[in-house]
PDB file of N, CA and C in Angstrom:
ATOM      1  N   MET A   1      60.139 -25.860 144.374  1.00  0.00           N
ATOM      2  CA  MET A   1      61.029 -26.039 145.375  1.00  0.00           C
ATOM      3  C   MET A   1      61.416 -27.594 145.550  1.00  0.00           C
ATOM      4  N   GLU A   2      62.607 -27.879 145.785  1.00  0.00           N
ATOM      5  CA  GLU A   2      63.287 -29.161 145.823  1.00  0.00           C
ATOM      6  C   GLU A   2      62.977 -29.872 147.361  1.00  0.00           C
ATOM      7  N   ARG A   3      62.647 -31.100 147.228  1.00  0.00           N
ATOM      8  CA  ARG A   3      62.067 -31.866 148.280  1.00  0.00           C
ATOM      9  C   ARG A   3      63.274 -32.946 148.455  1.00  0.00           C
ATOM     10  N   ASN A   4      63.793 -32.808 149.717  1.00  0.00           N
ATOM     11  CA  ASN A   4      64.826 -34.018 150.099  1.00  0.00           C
ATOM     12  C   ASN A   4      64.166 -34.863 150.851  1.00  0.00           C
ATOM     13  N   LYS A   5      64.478 -36.397 150.526  1.00  0.00           N
ATOM     14  CA  LYS A   5      64.051 -37.488 151.455  1.00  0.00           C
ATOM     15  C   LYS A   5      65.325 -37.927 152.150  1.00  0.00           C
ATOM     16  N   PHE A   6      65.148 -38.257 153.523  1.00  0.00           N
ATOM     17  CA  PHE A   6      66.341 -38.835 154.026  1.00  0.00           C
ATOM     18  C   PHE A   6      65.732 -40.615 154.098  1.00  0.00           C
ATOM     19  N   ILE A   7      66.740 -41.450 153.767  1.00  0.00           N
ATOM     20  CA  ILE A   7      66.327 -42.880 153.896  1.00  0.00           C
ATOM     21  C   ILE A   7      66.707 -43.299 155.422  1.00  0.00           C
ATOM     22  N   PRO A   8      66.177 -44.337 156.081  1.00  0.00           N
ATOM     23  CA  PRO A   8      66.388 -44.747 157.611  1.00  0.00           C
ATOM     24  C   PRO A   8      67.822 -44.820 157.879  1.00  0.00           C
ATOM     25  N   SER A   9      68.681 -45.275 156.717  1.00  0.00           N
ATOM     26  CA  SER A   9      70.258 -45.485 157.107  1.00  0.00           C
ATOM     27  C   SER A   9      70.938 -44.408 157.492  1.00  0.00           C
ATOM     28  N   GLU A  10      70.328 -43.203 156.790  1.00  0.00           N
ATOM     29  CA  GLU A  10      70.810 -41.648 156.997  1.00  0.00           C
ATOM     30  C   GLU A  10      70.542 -41.088 157.963  1.00  0.00           C
ATOM     31  N   VAL A  11      69.446 -41.587 158.630  1.00  0.00           N
ATOM     32  CA  VAL A  11      68.919 -41.124 159.951  1.00  0.00           C
ATOM     33  C   VAL A  11      69.284 -41.804 161.246  1.00  0.00           C
ATOM     34  N   ILE A  12      70.027 -43.012 161.011  1.00  0.00           N
ATOM     35  CA  ILE A  12      70.697 -43.793 162.102  1.00  0.00           C
ATOM     36  C   ILE A  12      72.196 -43.002 162.041  1.00  0.00           C
ATOM     37  N   ALA A  13      72.731 -42.942 160.695  1.00  0.00           N
ATOM     38  CA  ALA A  13      74.046 -42.225 160.593  1.00  0.00           C
ATOM     39  C   ALA A  13      74.156 -40.740 161.351  1.00  0.00           C
ATOM     40  N   TYR A  14      72.816 -39.884 161.194  1.00  0.00           N
ATOM     41  CA  TYR A  14      72.890 -39.034 161.633  1.00  0.00           C
ATOM     42  C   TYR A  14      72.710 -38.911 163.338  1.00  0.00           C
ATOM     43  N   LEU A  15      72.214 -39.874 163.575  1.00  0.00           N
ATOM     44  CA  LEU A  15      71.927 -40.337 165.602  1.00  0.00           C
ATOM     45  C   LEU A  15      73.502 -40.772 165.634  1.00  0.00           C
ATOM     46  N   GLU A  16      74.167 -41.690 165.164  1.00  0.00           N
ATOM     47  CA  GLU A  16      75.233 -42.015 165.411  1.00  0.00           C
ATOM     48  C   GLU A  16      76.270 -40.891 165.512  1.00  0.00           C
ATOM     49  N   TRP A  17      76.118 -39.778 164.496  1.00  0.00           N
ATOM     50  CA  TRP A  17      76.985 -38.654 164.549  1.00  0.00           C
ATOM     51  C   TRP A  17      76.872 -37.890 165.738  1.00  0.00           C
ATOM     52  N   LYS A  18      75.628 -37.693 166.359  1.00  0.00           N
ATOM     53  CA  LYS A  18      75.092 -37.006 167.595  1.00  0.00           C
ATOM     54  C   LYS A  18      75.450 -37.817 168.887  1.00  0.00           C
ATOM     55  N   ILE A  19      75.544 -38.840 168.888  1.00  0.00           N
ATOM     56  CA  ILE A  19      75.967 -39.613 169.924  1.00  0.00           C
ATOM     57  C   ILE A  19      77.465 -39.626 169.848  1.00  0.00           C
ATOM     58  N   GLY A  20      78.294 -39.570 168.685  1.00  0.00           N
ATOM     59  CA  GLY A  20      79.790 -39.530 168.970  1.00  0.00           C
ATOM     60  C   GLY A  20      80.218 -38.213 169.275  1.00  0.00           C
ATOM     61  N   ASN A  21      79.250 -37.187 169.147  1.00  0.00           N
ATOM     62  CA  ASN A  21      79.873 -35.740 169.337  1.00  0.00           C
ATOM     63  C   ASN A  21      79.028 -35.273 170.760  1.00  0.00           C
ATOM     64  N   ASN A  22      78.499 -36.257 171.301  1.00  0.00           N
ATOM     65  CA  ASN A  22      77.716 -35.910 172.912  1.00  0.00           C
ATOM     66  C   ASN A  22      76.810 -35.250 172.699  1.00  0.00           C
ATOM     67  N   LEU A  23      75.937 -35.198 171.369  1.00  0.00           N
ATOM     68  CA  LEU A  23      74.780 -33.955 171.667  1.00  0.00           C
ATOM     69  C   LEU A  23      73.362 -34.751 171.810  1.00  0.00           C
ATOM     70  N   GLU A  24      73.080 -36.239 171.820  1.00  0.00           N
ATOM     71  CA  GLU A  24      72.062 -36.697 171.915  1.00  0.00           C
ATOM     72  C   GLU A  24      71.429 -36.532 173.210  1.00  0.00           C
ATOM     73  N   THR A  25      70.153 -36.544 173.312  1.00  0.00           N
ATOM     74  CA  THR A  25      69.098 -36.814 174.524  1.00  0.00           C
ATOM     75  C   THR A  25      69.322 -38.226 174.868  1.00  0.00           C
ATOM     76  N   ASP A  26      68.719 -38.120 175.997  1.00  0.00           N
ATOM     77  CA  ASP A  26      68.460 -39.448 176.988  1.00  0.00           C
ATOM     78  C   ASP A  26      67.591 -40.426 175.618  1.00  0.00           C
ATOM     79  N   GLU A  27      66.582 -39.751 175.381  1.00  0.00           N
ATOM     80  CA  GLU A  27      65.525 -40.376 174.550  1.00  0.00           C
ATOM     81  C   GLU A  27      65.966 -40.939 173.203  1.00  0.00           C
ATOM     82  N   GLU A  28      66.820 -40.064 172.683  1.00  0.00           N
ATOM     83  CA  GLU A  28      67.695 -40.451 171.239  1.00  0.00           C
ATOM     84  C   GLU A  28      68.532 -41.703 171.815  1.00  0.00           C
ATOM     85  N   MET A  29      69.342 -41.676 173.005  1.00  0.00           N
ATOM     86  CA  MET A  29      70.173 -42.775 173.254  1.00  0.00           C
ATOM     87  C   MET A  29      69.226 -43.901 173.269  1.00  0.00           C
ATOM     88  N   ARG A  30      68.363 -43.967 174.138  1.00  0.00           N
ATOM     89  CA  ARG A  30      67.403 -45.114 174.218  1.00  0.00           C
ATOM     90  C   ARG A  30      66.888 -45.683 172.998  1.00  0.00           C
ATOM     91  N   VAL A  31      66.336 -44.947 172.191  1.00  0.00           N
ATOM     92  CA  VAL A  31      66.076 -45.256 170.618  1.00  0.00           C
ATOM     93  C   VAL A  31      67.049 -45.916 169.965  1.00  0.00           C
ATOM     94  N   TYR A  32      68.125 -45.235 169.856  1.00  0.00           N
ATOM     95  CA  TYR A  32      69.512 -45.798 169.214  1.00  0.00           C
ATOM     96  C   TYR A  32      69.517 -47.396 169.728  1.00  0.00           C
ATOM     97  N   GLU A  33      69.573 -47.367 171.184  1.00  0.00           N
ATOM     98  CA  GLU A  33      70.125 -48.760 171.613  1.00  0.00           C
ATOM     99  C   GLU A  33      68.972 -49.954 171.495  1.00  0.00           C
ATOM    100  N   ASP A  34      67.608 -49.252 171.674  1.00  0.00           N
ATOM    101  CA  ASP A  34      66.447 -50.133 171.358  1.00  0.00           C
ATOM    102  C   ASP A  34      66.545 -50.610 169.545  1.00  0.00           C
ATOM    103  N   TYR A  35      66.924 -50.154 168.828  1.00  0.00           N
ATOM    104  CA  TYR A  35      66.758 -50.000 167.396  1.00  0.00           C
ATOM    105  C   TYR A  35      68.308 -50.933 167.197  1.00  0.00           C
ATOM    106  N   LYS A  36      69.501 -51.006 167.921  1.00  0.00           N
ATOM    107  CA  LYS A  36      70.791 -51.888 167.582  1.00  0.00           C
ATOM    108  C   LYS A  36      70.177 -53.171 168.411  1.00  0.00           C
ATOM    109  N   TRP A  37      69.279 -53.168 169.339  1.00  0.00           N
ATOM    110  CA  TRP A  37      69.143 -54.397 169.955  1.00  0.00           C
ATOM    111  C   TRP A  37      67.949 -55.249 169.427  1.00  0.00           C
ATOM    112  N   ASN A  38      67.110 -54.375 169.146  1.00  0.00           N
ATOM    113  CA  ASN A  38      65.469 -55.248 168.646  1.00  0.00           C
ATOM    114  C   ASN A  38      65.453 -54.513 167.227  1.00  0.00           C
ATOM    115  N   GLY A  39      66.111 -53.935 166.441  1.00  0.00           N
ATOM    116  CA  GLY A  39      65.539 -53.485 165.188  1.00  0.00           C
ATOM    117  C   GLY A  39      64.492 -52.901 164.973  1.00  0.00           C
ATOM    118  N   LYS A  40      64.232 -51.979 166.092  1.00  0.00           N
ATOM    119  CA  LYS A  40      62.683 -50.994 166.055  1.00  0.00           C
ATOM    120  C   LYS A  40      63.052 -49.835 166.176  1.00  0.00           C
ATOM    121  N   PHE A  41      62.208 -48.945 165.862  1.00  0.00           N
ATOM    122  CA  PHE A  41      62.518 -47.399 165.712  1.00  0.00           C
ATOM    123  C   PHE A  41      60.945 -46.810 166.329  1.00  0.00           C
ATOM    124  N   SER A  42      61.409 -45.788 167.381  1.00  0.00           N
ATOM    125  CA  SER A  42      59.979 -45.073 167.737  1.00  0.00           C
ATOM    126  C   SER A  42      59.986 -44.047 166.906  1.00  0.00           C
ATOM    127  N   ARG A  43      58.700 -44.411 166.404  1.00  0.00           N
ATOM    128  CA  ARG A  43      58.093 -43.383 165.518  1.00  0.00           C
ATOM    129  C   ARG A  43      58.121 -41.821 165.569  1.00  0.00           C
ATOM    130  N   ASN A  44      57.951 -41.445 166.816  1.00  0.00           N
ATOM    131  CA  ASN A  44      57.849 -39.956 167.188  1.00  0.00           C
ATOM    132  C   ASN A  44      59.455 -39.680 167.275  1.00  0.00           C
ATOM    133  N   THR A  45      60.360 -39.957 167.897  1.00  0.00           N
ATOM    134  CA  THR A  45      61.463 -39.846 167.758  1.00  0.00           C
ATOM    135  C   THR A  45      62.228 -39.801 166.222  1.00  0.00           C
ATOM    136  N   TYR A  46      61.807 -40.590 165.578  1.00  0.00           N
ATOM    137  CA  TYR A  46      62.286 -40.752 164.391  1.00  0.00           C
ATOM    138  C   TYR A  46      61.796 -39.485 163.337  1.00  0.00           C
ATOM    139  N   LYS A  47      60.614 -39.064 163.563  1.00  0.00           N
ATOM    140  CA  LYS A  47      59.999 -37.959 163.011  1.00  0.00           C
ATOM    141  C   LYS A  47      60.814 -36.556 163.559  1.00  0.00           C
ATOM    142  N   GLN A  48      61.263 -36.764 164.960  1.00  0.00           N
ATOM    143  CA  GLN A  48      61.827 -35.544 165.279  1.00  0.00           C
ATOM    144  C   GLN A  48      63.160 -35.228 164.789  1.00  0.00           C
ATOM    145  N   LEU A  49      63.782 -36.756 164.672  1.00  0.00           N
ATOM    146  CA  LEU A  49      65.153 -36.612 164.008  1.00  0.00           C
ATOM    147  C   LEU A  49      65.046 -36.183 162.440  1.00  0.00           C
ATOM    148  N   LEU A  50      64.108 -36.446 161.675  1.00  0.00           N
ATOM    149  CA  LEU A  50      64.063 -35.960 160.597  1.00  0.00           C
ATOM    150  C   LEU A  50      63.838 -34.710 160.308  1.00  0.00           C
ATOM    151  N   LYS A  51      63.046 -33.954 161.050  1.00  0.00           N
ATOM    152  CA  LYS A  51      62.985 -32.810 161.271  1.00  0.00           C
ATOM    153  C   LYS A  51      64.049 -31.862 161.659  1.00  0.00           C
ATOM    154  N   GLU A  52      64.761 -32.591 162.752  1.00  0.00           N
ATOM    155  CA  GLU A  52      66.121 -31.631 162.884  1.00  0.00           C
ATOM    156  C   GLU A  52      67.202 -32.177 161.730  1.00  0.00           C
ATOM    157  N   MET A  53      67.055 -32.985 160.713  1.00  0.00           N
ATOM    158  CA  MET A  53      67.940 -33.124 159.883  1.00  0.00           C
ATOM    159  C   MET A  53      67.540 -32.034 158.613  1.00  0.00           C
ATOM    160  N   TYR A  54      66.112 -31.969 158.622  1.00  0.00           N
ATOM    161  CA  TYR A  54      65.781 -30.803 157.636  1.00  0.00           C
ATOM    162  C   TYR A  54      66.278 -29.621 157.859  1.00  0.00           C
ATOM    163  N   LYS A  55      66.293 -29.031 158.855  1.00  0.00           N
ATOM    164  CA  LYS A  55      66.782 -27.718 159.422  1.00  0.00           C
ATOM    165  C   LYS A  55      68.075 -27.600 159.411  1.00  0.00           C
ATOM    166  N   GLU A  56      68.864 -28.778 159.651  1.00  0.00           N
ATOM    167  CA  GLU A  56      70.451 -28.471 159.370  1.00  0.00           C
ATOM    168  C   GLU A  56      70.743 -28.603 158.180  1.00  0.00           C
ATOM    169  N   TYR A  57      70.162 -29.050 157.311  1.00  0.00           N
ATOM    170  CA  TYR A  57      70.021 -29.118 155.756  1.00  0.00           C
ATOM    171  C   TYR A  57      70.354 -28.264 155.298  1.00  0.00           C
ATOM    172  N   ARG A  58      69.058 -27.660 155.564  1.00  0.00           N
ATOM    173  CA  ARG A  58      68.684 -26.125 155.043  1.00  0.00           C
ATOM    174  C   ARG A  58      69.641 -25.064 155.570  1.00  0.00           C
ATOM    175  N   GLY A  59      70.194 -25.147 156.936  1.00  0.00           N
ATOM    176  CA  GLY A  59      70.953 -24.229 157.471  1.00  0.00           C
ATOM    177  C   GLY A  59      70.733 -23.626 158.728  1.00  0.00           C
ATOM    178  N   GLU A  60      69.527 -23.891 159.299  1.00  0.00           N
ATOM    179  CA  GLU A  60      68.434 -23.260 160.276  1.00  0.00           C
ATOM    180  C   GLU A  60      69.398 -23.230 161.528  1.00  0.00           C
TER     181      GLU A  60
END
């Protein structure tokens, strides 16, 4: 089975895509703003976005 890994810049790009299409949650918007201002990323939200990206990649 092929395992895919996403790098942090891909996660940020995915989050920016969600924001551009008005699909983000308040939590994701807060995390994005915090990342842009402070360069920090909430670990739990990051993991949640990764799971979402894997589902999207697999077509679920």
